[in-house]
Amino acid sequence: MKPVRDASPVEPIDGDILSCVVQVRPGRGLEIAARLEALPGVEVHGGAEVDRLVVTIEDQVGHRAADQLGALPLIEGVINAVLIYHCDGRALRADPQAAEG
């Protein structure tokens, strides 16, 4: 007999979640971090003091994470943005018990 999964009170994620490192011009880490935080779905987790920002980007209505990532190097002061991790939220919605058969 298979165990019964508890219903999660958290709404499952539908879209992509990306993690990246954003390298910025020397001395501009705090400034660029604040600018990135103002973008939909973007969160800066650290690195401003060393001008290498650890960033996550989540799909938002009207703002795809991949498009946000692609636009980061266009921001003045950003040298580059390198994708580190990608999670397809649709995969998280899949029923793991269905795969067990």
Protein backbone atom coordinates (compact mmCIF):
# COMPACT_ATOMS: atom_id res chain seq x y z
CA MET A 1 0.00 0.00 0.00
CA LYS A 2 1.35 3.42 -0.99
CA PRO A 3 1.53 6.16 1.64
CA VAL A 4 -0.93 9.02 1.26
CA ARG A 5 0.71 12.37 0.48
CA ASP A 6 -0.27 15.32 2.61
CA ALA A 7 -1.88 18.20 0.72
CA SER A 8 0.50 21.15 0.61
CA PRO A 9 -0.87 24.51 1.77
CA VAL A 10 1.56 26.22 -0.61
CA GLU A 11 0.44 26.80 -4.21
CA PRO A 12 2.68 24.77 -6.56
CA ILE A 13 5.08 26.69 -8.75
CA ASP A 14 4.04 26.91 -12.39
CA GLY A 15 6.93 28.72 -14.03
CA ASP A 16 10.69 28.71 -14.23
CA ILE A 17 13.06 29.58 -11.43
CA LEU A 18 16.59 30.59 -12.38
CA SER A 19 19.69 31.21 -10.33
CA CYS A 20 22.55 33.26 -11.69
CA VAL A 21 25.68 35.18 -10.79
CA VAL A 22 25.75 38.78 -12.00
CA GLN A 23 29.16 40.41 -12.20
CA VAL A 24 29.08 44.21 -11.97
CA ARG A 25 31.60 46.99 -12.40
CA PRO A 26 33.88 47.54 -9.40
CA GLY A 27 32.26 49.49 -6.58
CA ARG A 28 28.74 49.30 -8.02
CA GLY A 29 27.48 46.15 -6.31
CA LEU A 30 25.10 47.88 -3.87
CA GLU A 31 23.71 50.20 -6.55
CA ILE A 32 23.10 47.42 -9.08
CA ALA A 33 21.67 45.10 -6.41
CA ALA A 34 19.04 47.73 -5.59
CA ARG A 35 18.19 48.15 -9.28
CA LEU A 36 17.82 44.40 -9.78
CA GLU A 37 15.61 44.02 -6.70
CA ALA A 38 13.17 46.47 -8.30
CA LEU A 39 12.63 44.12 -11.27
CA PRO A 40 9.63 41.72 -11.21
CA GLY A 41 10.58 38.28 -9.90
CA VAL A 42 14.21 39.20 -9.16
CA GLU A 43 15.78 38.71 -5.74
CA VAL A 44 19.40 39.43 -4.81
CA HIS A 45 20.73 37.12 -2.09
CA GLY A 46 24.23 38.51 -1.58
CA GLY A 47 27.54 39.42 -3.11
CA ALA A 48 27.03 43.18 -3.44
CA GLU A 49 30.12 43.91 -1.37
CA VAL A 50 32.31 41.95 -3.82
CA ASP A 51 30.51 43.05 -7.02
CA ARG A 52 29.29 39.50 -7.82
CA LEU A 53 25.60 39.22 -7.10
CA VAL A 54 23.87 35.94 -6.32
CA VAL A 55 20.43 36.31 -7.89
CA THR A 56 17.27 34.26 -8.34
CA ILE A 57 14.63 35.07 -10.92
CA GLU A 58 11.12 33.59 -10.95
CA ASP A 59 8.54 33.75 -13.72
CA GLN A 60 5.93 36.43 -13.04
CA VAL A 61 2.78 37.26 -14.98
CA GLY A 62 4.03 39.14 -18.04
CA HIS A 63 7.70 38.68 -17.09
CA ARG A 64 9.42 35.44 -18.00
CA ALA A 65 12.51 34.60 -15.95
CA ALA A 66 14.53 33.77 -19.08
CA ASP A 67 13.75 37.19 -20.57
CA GLN A 68 14.74 38.90 -17.32
CA LEU A 69 18.03 36.99 -17.31
CA GLY A 70 18.72 37.98 -20.93
CA ALA A 71 18.08 41.65 -20.14
CA LEU A 72 20.43 41.85 -17.15
CA PRO A 73 23.60 42.53 -19.21
CA LEU A 74 21.80 45.50 -20.80
CA ILE A 75 21.70 47.29 -17.44
CA GLU A 76 24.44 49.89 -17.15
CA GLY A 77 27.12 48.65 -14.77
CA VAL A 78 26.45 44.95 -15.35
CA ILE A 79 29.36 43.11 -16.95
CA ASN A 80 27.64 39.73 -17.39
CA ALA A 81 25.03 37.36 -15.99
CA VAL A 82 25.76 33.64 -15.90
CA LEU A 83 23.02 31.04 -15.45
CA ILE A 84 23.89 28.63 -12.63
CA TYR A 85 20.65 26.68 -12.13
CA HIS A 86 17.28 26.28 -13.85
CA CYS A 87 14.20 24.67 -12.33
CA ASP A 88 11.16 23.99 -14.50
CA GLY A 89 8.22 24.58 -12.17
CA ARG A 90 6.01 22.33 -14.28
CA ALA A 91 8.18 19.40 -13.22
CA LEU A 92 7.44 20.22 -9.58
CA ARG A 93 3.72 19.95 -10.26
CA ALA A 94 4.04 16.41 -11.58
CA ASP A 95 2.63 13.75 -9.28
CA PRO A 96 5.63 11.67 -8.10
CA GLN A 97 3.33 8.74 -7.29
CA ALA A 98 2.12 8.60 -10.89
CA ALA A 99 5.69 7.91 -11.99
CA GLU A 100 5.94 4.99 -9.54
CA GLY A 101 3.13 3.14 -11.32
